Protein backbone atom coordinates (compact mmCIF):
# COMPACT_ATOMS: atom_id res chain seq x y z
CA MET A 1 6.74 -11.08 29.76
CA ALA A 2 5.55 -7.84 28.84
CA VAL A 3 8.23 -5.10 27.58
CA MET A 4 6.63 -2.32 29.81
CA SER A 5 6.82 -2.53 33.28
CA SER A 6 4.12 -2.15 35.92
CA ASP A 7 4.86 0.89 37.12
CA ASP A 8 2.84 3.77 39.27
CA LYS A 9 3.61 6.85 36.79
CA ARG A 10 0.41 8.15 35.13
CA TRP A 11 0.26 9.02 31.52
CA ASN A 12 0.52 12.39 31.51
CA GLN A 13 -0.48 13.41 27.98
CA ARG A 14 -3.69 15.15 26.99
CA LYS A 15 -4.80 12.58 24.87
CA SER A 16 -5.77 8.66 25.66
CA VAL A 17 -3.86 6.22 23.47
CA GLN A 18 -3.81 2.58 22.19
CA MET A 19 -0.65 0.66 23.14
CA ILE A 20 0.72 -2.40 21.28
CA MET A 21 2.47 -4.86 23.52
CA VAL A 22 4.99 -7.40 22.86
CA SER A 23 7.32 -10.02 24.18
CA ARG A 24 10.96 -9.56 24.88
CA ARG A 25 11.71 -12.49 22.84
CA ARG A 26 12.48 -12.14 18.97
CA GLU A 27 9.15 -13.87 18.33
CA PRO A 28 5.72 -13.09 17.56
CA LEU A 29 3.34 -12.66 20.20
CA ASN A 30 0.14 -13.76 18.84
CA ARG A 31 -1.88 -13.30 22.33
CA ARG A 32 -3.98 -10.71 23.03
CA PHE A 33 -2.65 -8.00 25.23
CA THR A 34 -4.98 -5.68 27.48
CA GLY A 35 -3.59 -3.00 29.66
CA ARG A 36 -4.44 0.46 31.14
CA LEU A 37 -3.17 3.89 30.90
CA GLU A 38 -4.23 6.62 33.21
CA HIS A 39 -5.71 9.96 31.39
CA GLY A 40 -6.57 12.95 33.57
CA GLY A 41 -6.72 10.43 36.73
CA ARG A 42 -8.98 7.94 35.03
CA PRO A 43 -8.00 4.46 34.01
CA VAL A 44 -8.19 3.98 29.77
CA ARG A 45 -8.65 0.65 28.77
CA VAL A 46 -6.03 -0.67 26.12
CA GLU A 47 -6.42 -3.59 24.02
CA CYS A 48 -4.41 -4.89 20.97
CA GLN A 49 -4.35 -8.27 19.18
CA HIS A 50 -1.35 -7.74 16.72
CA GLY A 51 1.53 -10.16 16.84
CA LEU A 52 4.75 -8.23 16.83
CA MET A 53 8.39 -8.68 17.25
CA ALA A 54 10.43 -7.88 20.45
CA LEU A 55 11.03 -4.25 21.36
CA GLU A 56 13.18 -2.79 23.97
CA ARG A 57 12.92 1.14 23.71
CA GLY A 58 9.26 1.99 24.29
CA LEU A 59 6.75 4.15 22.65
CA ALA A 60 6.14 6.41 19.57
CA PRO A 61 3.35 8.61 18.62
CA VAL A 62 2.20 8.33 15.13
CA ARG A 63 -0.07 11.73 13.84
CA SER A 64 -3.33 11.23 12.47
CA THR A 65 -3.88 12.91 8.98
CA SER A 66 -5.54 15.83 10.96
CA GLY A 67 -2.35 16.31 12.67
CA ALA A 68 -3.80 15.71 16.03
CA TRP A 69 -2.81 12.96 18.39
CA SER A 70 -5.13 10.00 17.59
CA SER A 71 -6.12 7.34 20.18
CA ILE A 72 -5.54 4.78 17.99
CA LEU A 73 -2.28 5.56 16.29
CA ILE A 74 0.56 4.75 18.76
CA PHE A 75 2.89 2.15 17.63
CA LEU A 76 5.86 0.85 19.38
CA ILE A 77 9.16 1.23 18.20
CA ALA A 78 12.82 -0.31 19.31
CA ALA A 79 16.53 -0.76 18.91
CA LEU A 80 18.02 -3.83 20.35
CA SER A 81 22.01 -3.12 20.91
CA GLY A 82 21.54 0.08 18.73
CA ARG A 83 20.03 -1.72 15.87
CA ALA A 84 16.20 -0.89 14.44
CA VAL A 85 14.37 -4.34 15.30
CA ASN A 86 11.10 -5.43 13.00
CA ALA A 87 8.19 -4.72 14.82
CA GLY A 88 5.87 -6.93 12.66
CA GLU A 89 2.96 -6.03 10.68
CA PRO A 90 1.32 -2.54 11.32
CA PRO A 91 -2.52 -2.51 12.45
CA MET A 92 -4.62 -3.40 9.48
CA VAL A 93 -8.34 -4.08 8.71
CA GLN A 94 -10.12 -6.29 6.07
CA LEU A 95 -12.21 -4.25 3.80
CA THR A 96 -13.92 -6.77 1.54
CA PHE A 97 -15.66 -10.10 2.59
CA ALA A 98 -16.72 -11.77 -0.95
CA PRO A 99 -15.27 -15.09 -1.41
CA GLY A 100 -15.34 -14.38 -5.37
CA GLY A 101 -11.83 -12.85 -5.18
CA ASP A 102 -10.81 -8.95 -5.07
CA GLY A 103 -7.85 -7.77 -6.48
CA ILE A 104 -5.86 -4.70 -7.55
CA THR A 105 -6.79 -1.50 -5.90
CA ALA A 106 -6.57 2.31 -6.75
CA TRP A 107 -7.43 5.33 -4.41
CA SER A 108 -9.32 8.14 -5.69
CA PRO A 109 -7.34 11.46 -5.38
CA ASP A 110 -9.34 12.68 -2.47
CA GLY A 111 -8.88 9.40 -0.41
CA THR A 112 -12.92 8.96 -0.19
CA ARG A 113 -12.97 5.99 -2.69
CA ILE A 114 -11.35 2.85 -3.89
CA ALA A 115 -11.59 1.18 -7.30
CA PHE A 116 -10.64 -2.28 -7.62
CA ASP A 117 -11.09 -5.40 -9.76
CA SER A 118 -13.26 -8.16 -8.67
CA SER A 119 -14.87 -11.44 -9.59
CA ARG A 120 -17.32 -11.45 -6.65
CA SER A 121 -20.20 -11.33 -9.55
CA GLY A 122 -18.66 -14.40 -11.14
CA ASN A 123 -17.00 -12.21 -13.92
CA PRO A 124 -13.83 -9.95 -13.44
CA ASP A 125 -15.10 -6.41 -13.62
CA ILE A 126 -14.33 -2.99 -12.12
CA TRP A 127 -15.84 -1.96 -8.78
CA VAL A 128 -15.78 1.21 -6.57
CA MET A 129 -16.21 1.52 -2.87
CA THR A 130 -15.92 4.08 -0.17
CA ALA A 131 -12.59 3.90 1.51
CA ASP A 132 -14.32 2.17 4.80
CA GLY A 133 -15.37 -0.74 2.66
CA VAL A 134 -19.33 -0.04 3.73
CA ALA A 135 -20.71 0.80 0.28
CA MET A 136 -19.87 -0.72 -3.20
CA VAL A 137 -20.99 -0.82 -6.72
CA PRO A 138 -19.88 -2.36 -10.17
CA LEU A 139 -18.64 0.21 -12.97
CA THR A 140 -18.34 -2.60 -15.55
CA THR A 141 -20.29 -5.41 -16.32
CA ASP A 142 -18.93 -6.94 -19.81
CA PRO A 143 -18.83 -10.71 -19.83
CA THR A 144 -14.85 -10.47 -20.74
CA TRP A 145 -12.27 -9.46 -18.39
CA ASP A 146 -11.88 -5.91 -16.89
CA GLY A 147 -9.15 -4.88 -14.64
CA ASP A 148 -6.16 -2.70 -13.54
CA PRO A 149 -8.21 0.44 -12.62
CA THR A 150 -6.40 3.96 -12.40
CA TRP A 151 -7.92 7.51 -11.55
CA SER A 152 -7.70 10.68 -13.26
CA ALA A 153 -6.02 13.34 -11.25
CA ASP A 154 -9.45 15.02 -11.08
CA GLY A 155 -11.34 12.04 -9.90
CA GLN A 156 -13.73 12.23 -12.58
CA ARG A 157 -12.52 9.24 -14.79
CA ILE A 158 -11.05 5.77 -14.45
CA ALA A 159 -9.01 3.97 -17.10
CA PHE A 160 -8.41 0.34 -17.24
CA ALA A 161 -7.44 -2.54 -19.18
CA SER A 162 -10.06 -4.80 -21.02
CA GLU A 163 -10.41 -7.61 -23.27
CA ARG A 164 -13.66 -6.80 -24.54
CA SER A 165 -11.95 -5.75 -27.99
CA GLY A 166 -10.45 -9.37 -28.46
CA ASN A 167 -7.27 -8.61 -26.99
CA LEU A 168 -5.98 -6.38 -24.02
CA ASP A 169 -6.56 -2.64 -24.66
CA ILE A 170 -6.97 0.56 -22.32
CA TRP A 171 -10.14 1.86 -21.86
CA VAL A 172 -11.63 4.94 -20.00
CA MET A 173 -14.73 5.63 -18.41
CA SER A 174 -16.22 8.23 -15.94
CA ALA A 175 -15.86 7.36 -12.34
CA THR A 176 -19.52 6.34 -12.20
CA GLY A 177 -18.91 3.93 -15.10
CA GLU A 178 -20.60 5.95 -17.86
CA GLY A 179 -18.92 6.54 -21.39
CA GLN A 180 -16.45 3.48 -21.82
CA ARG A 181 -14.77 3.68 -24.68
CA ARG A 182 -11.75 2.27 -25.99
CA LEU A 183 -8.10 4.24 -25.90
CA THR A 184 -5.53 1.65 -27.89
CA THR A 185 -6.81 -0.20 -30.91
CA THR A 186 -3.49 -2.33 -32.22
CA PRO A 187 -3.49 -6.07 -32.02
CA ALA A 188 -1.22 -6.03 -29.53
CA ASP A 189 -1.72 -6.32 -25.70
CA ASP A 190 -1.93 -3.09 -23.75
CA LEU A 191 -2.32 -3.21 -20.00
CA TRP A 192 -1.39 -1.70 -16.26
CA PRO A 193 -2.46 1.76 -17.14
CA ALA A 194 -1.09 4.42 -14.77
CA TRP A 195 -2.73 7.99 -14.88
CA SER A 196 -0.02 10.76 -14.34
CA PRO A 197 -0.23 13.35 -11.33
CA ASP A 198 -1.26 16.23 -13.53
CA GLY A 199 -3.78 13.92 -15.47
CA GLN A 200 -2.15 14.98 -18.81
CA ARG A 201 -0.42 11.30 -19.62
CA ILE A 202 -1.40 7.71 -18.98
CA ALA A 203 1.75 5.19 -18.81
CA PHE A 204 1.00 1.78 -19.74
CA VAL A 205 2.41 -1.75 -20.54
CA SER A 206 2.63 -2.96 -24.31
CA ASP A 207 4.16 -5.49 -26.37
CA ARG A 208 3.21 -3.82 -29.71
CA SER A 209 7.45 -3.40 -30.10
CA GLY A 210 7.64 -7.15 -29.87
CA ASN A 211 8.49 -7.07 -26.11
CA PHE A 212 6.62 -5.63 -23.12
CA GLU A 213 7.84 -2.04 -22.56
CA ILE A 214 6.48 1.02 -20.80
CA TRP A 215 4.61 3.20 -23.24
CA VAL A 216 3.11 6.81 -22.60
CA MET A 217 -0.02 8.59 -24.20
CA ASP A 218 -2.37 11.22 -23.69
CA PRO A 219 -5.55 10.68 -22.14
CA ASN A 220 -7.59 10.27 -25.60
CA GLY A 221 -5.02 7.68 -26.76
CA GLY A 222 -2.79 9.87 -29.04
CA SER A 223 0.84 11.34 -28.74
CA LEU A 224 2.14 7.79 -28.18
CA GLU A 225 5.72 7.26 -26.93
CA GLN A 226 8.09 4.38 -25.77
CA LEU A 227 9.47 5.01 -22.79
CA THR A 228 11.73 1.57 -21.98
CA THR A 229 13.63 -0.43 -24.53
CA TYR A 230 14.75 -3.05 -21.80
CA GLY A 231 11.57 -4.53 -20.99
CA GLY A 232 9.13 -2.95 -18.47
CA SER A 233 6.08 -3.66 -16.37
CA TYR A 234 3.69 -2.21 -13.71
CA PRO A 235 4.56 1.63 -14.12
CA THR A 236 3.77 4.03 -11.48
CA TRP A 237 4.31 7.80 -11.38
CA SER A 238 6.47 9.88 -9.03
CA PRO A 239 4.03 12.33 -7.15
CA ASP A 240 5.71 15.38 -9.16
CA GLY A 241 5.18 13.51 -12.45
CA SER A 242 8.88 13.81 -13.30
CA GLN A 243 9.68 9.84 -13.19
CA ILE A 244 8.01 6.58 -13.57
CA ALA A 245 9.04 3.34 -11.33
CA PHE A 246 8.58 0.10 -13.06
CA VAL A 247 9.78 -3.48 -12.96
CA SER A 248 12.43 -4.28 -15.50
CA GLY A 249 13.17 -7.60 -17.50
CA ASP A 250 15.34 -8.46 -14.35
CA GLY A 251 12.33 -8.62 -12.07
CA GLU A 252 13.63 -5.84 -10.15
CA VAL A 253 12.34 -2.27 -9.58
CA TRP A 254 13.68 0.90 -11.64
CA VAL A 255 13.12 4.39 -11.79
CA ALA A 256 13.58 6.37 -15.17
CA SER A 257 12.90 9.86 -16.12
CA ALA A 258 9.36 10.30 -17.65
CA LEU A 259 10.94 11.82 -20.61
CA GLY A 260 13.00 8.41 -21.33
CA GLY A 261 16.63 7.85 -20.51
CA ASP A 262 18.78 5.59 -18.62
CA PRO A 263 17.34 3.98 -15.49
CA THR A 264 18.34 3.44 -11.92
CA GLN A 265 18.04 0.48 -10.10
CA VAL A 266 15.98 0.96 -6.78
CA THR A 267 15.37 -2.52 -5.17
CA PRO A 268 18.34 -4.67 -3.83
CA PRO A 269 19.30 -7.47 -6.47
CA ASP A 270 17.39 -10.75 -5.42
CA PRO A 271 16.91 -14.05 -7.22
CA SER A 272 13.09 -13.65 -6.55
CA ASP A 273 11.00 -11.22 -8.87
CA ASP A 274 9.62 -7.83 -7.49
CA ALA A 275 6.30 -6.54 -8.94
CA TYR A 276 3.88 -3.85 -9.08
CA PRO A 277 5.48 -0.74 -7.28
CA SER A 278 3.64 1.92 -5.88
CA TRP A 279 5.22 5.53 -5.34
CA SER A 280 4.65 6.78 -1.84
CA PRO A 281 2.65 10.46 -2.09
CA ASP A 282 5.57 12.15 -0.36
CA GLY A 283 8.11 10.59 -3.02
CA ARG A 284 10.48 9.13 -0.55
CA ARG A 285 9.52 5.28 -0.81
CA ILE A 286 8.42 2.77 -3.00
CA ALA A 287 6.01 0.13 -1.89
CA PHE A 288 6.19 -3.25 -3.96
CA MET A 289 5.17 -6.82 -3.88
CA SER A 290 8.27 -9.57 -3.49
CA GLY A 291 8.85 -13.05 -2.84
CA ARG A 292 12.40 -12.19 -1.50
CA SER A 293 11.31 -13.55 2.19
CA GLY A 294 10.37 -16.91 0.87
CA ASN A 295 6.60 -15.74 0.58
CA VAL A 296 4.91 -13.16 -1.31
CA ASP A 297 4.87 -9.94 0.75
CA ILE A 298 4.65 -6.13 0.70
CA TRP A 299 7.88 -4.35 1.01
CA LEU A 300 9.16 -0.80 1.03
CA VAL A 301 12.26 0.72 -0.50
CA PRO A 302 13.78 4.24 -0.50
CA VAL A 303 13.48 5.87 -3.80
CA SER A 304 17.25 6.60 -3.85
CA GLY A 305 17.74 2.77 -3.16
CA GLY A 306 18.88 1.13 -0.20
CA ALA A 307 17.74 -1.51 2.21
CA ALA A 308 14.21 -3.00 1.44
CA GLU A 309 11.92 -3.37 4.64
CA GLN A 310 9.51 -6.13 4.91
CA VAL A 311 5.98 -4.63 5.84
CA THR A 312 3.77 -8.02 5.68
CA PHE A 313 4.48 -11.10 7.66
CA HIS A 314 1.42 -13.56 7.10
CA PRO A 315 2.47 -16.72 5.41
CA ASP A 316 -0.38 -16.44 2.70
CA TRP A 317 -0.43 -14.27 -0.35
CA ASN A 318 0.16 -10.00 0.10
CA ALA A 319 0.42 -8.34 -3.08
CA PHE A 320 -0.61 -5.35 -4.98
CA PRO A 321 0.10 -2.47 -2.57
CA ALA A 322 -1.55 0.96 -3.34
CA TRP A 323 -0.65 4.13 -1.26
CA SER A 324 -3.72 6.30 0.11
CA PRO A 325 -3.27 9.92 -1.37
CA ASP A 326 -2.39 11.01 2.47
CA GLY A 327 0.33 8.35 2.65
CA SER A 328 -0.81 7.00 5.88
CA ARG A 329 -2.42 3.59 4.58
CA ILE A 330 -1.67 0.88 2.04
CA SER A 331 -4.15 -1.01 0.48
CA PHE A 332 -3.31 -4.36 -0.73
CA GLN A 333 -4.60 -8.25 -1.55
CA SER A 334 -4.22 -11.02 0.48
CA ASN A 335 -5.89 -14.33 0.98
CA ARG A 336 -5.06 -14.73 4.55
CA ALA A 337 -8.91 -14.79 5.24
CA GLY A 338 -9.19 -17.94 3.36
CA TYR A 339 -10.21 -16.04 0.21
CA TYR A 340 -8.68 -13.07 -1.99
CA ALA A 341 -9.95 -9.96 -0.28
CA ILE A 342 -8.69 -6.34 -0.04
CA TRP A 343 -6.89 -5.12 3.31
CA VAL A 344 -5.47 -1.76 4.36
CA MET A 345 -2.69 -1.36 6.57
CA THR A 346 -1.72 2.00 8.72
CA LEU A 347 1.68 2.91 8.65
CA PRO A 348 3.48 4.25 11.66
CA THR A 349 5.63 7.58 11.08
CA ALA A 350 9.19 8.38 12.15
CA VAL A 351 9.79 9.46 15.42
CA ASP A 352 12.66 12.03 16.23
CA GLU A 353 14.56 12.33 19.35
CA THR A 354 12.98 15.09 20.53
CA THR A 355 9.58 13.68 20.24
CA TRP A 356 10.84 10.52 22.09
CA GLY A 357 12.48 12.30 24.94
CA ALA A 358 9.35 14.01 25.47
CA ILE A 359 7.19 10.94 26.05
CA LYS A 360 9.67 8.03 26.93
CA GLY A 361 8.87 8.59 30.65
CA ASN A 362 5.21 7.56 30.23
CA TYR A 363 4.34 3.82 31.08
CA LEU A 364 1.68 1.55 31.32
CA THR A 365 -0.12 1.30 34.84
CA GLU A 366 -1.29 -2.27 34.57
CA THR A 367 -0.37 -5.16 32.05
CA ARG A 368 -1.77 -8.36 31.53
CA VAL A 369 -1.09 -10.96 28.60
CA HIS A 370 -3.44 -13.87 27.94
């Protein structure tokens, strides 16, 4: 049974919209929904195939990156008995289709390109593609392992980890692959680089102290400082560069000043491990991967701490989240297609009561579930 009633009221907004229809039951509706809106007296076809959980409150508009109402960014929200209800997975698309395996992603600062590590050529290398996944080229071709790409703030360089020196080190190259050079030179393993928002520092993970900890250096490999002393991995910078989120030895996400000091725990304690935090561009949330649902999924948590929100629900692997620079999308790795590929989800934004009141009287004029 569809949430929206078959009402004769016309859609009176100036823009056509796409709807996502769900069942009244608290269970996924994995069948396709089609319906019709009226826009200017003309019917507008609506179709979606996302499985969502039961909702009872109605429609919520989501603004596109330009600020205009978009025909494809309308998302249903709801509350049952005054409590927020999980709306299931947001709209998402598969970007890569090579069975060789695509993994960790990093968005260019302008959001037009995505660097990623991949074994599609038979060897783990760094690749870059347009944000729509249409055009892609390899940046490294060394026979050893290359991975963990991160962009400089000006979009001109990419730092990455590589085993080409005999152990894991941090390397840097131009955004087109030229001028590859080594930044760290100790016998220890150095990996997981993360470039600061101002471009002046690179955080990374190293076991040079005898334990894997977070370290910081300048873009030329100098001025090294150890940030943590209690175990640390997967560093990610706050948008203003003042803090670094990371996973501590207890498998939880913590936040510390970029200058050092006592950290603050962000993720709620859970027996399963959390990993690979990614700070949202607005500074308010951290995406991370976790097995706390019994499956590896993407979660969101407020930077200030509190309840974590599950974002992906597919029973296969969903990991390594990375925010787009405008904060509207998250890229991640999943094997839901039968192989490890890169996917991108589009996140709904919060809707205030004023906006809700302005649109809650608009209904679908025709519905069909099949």
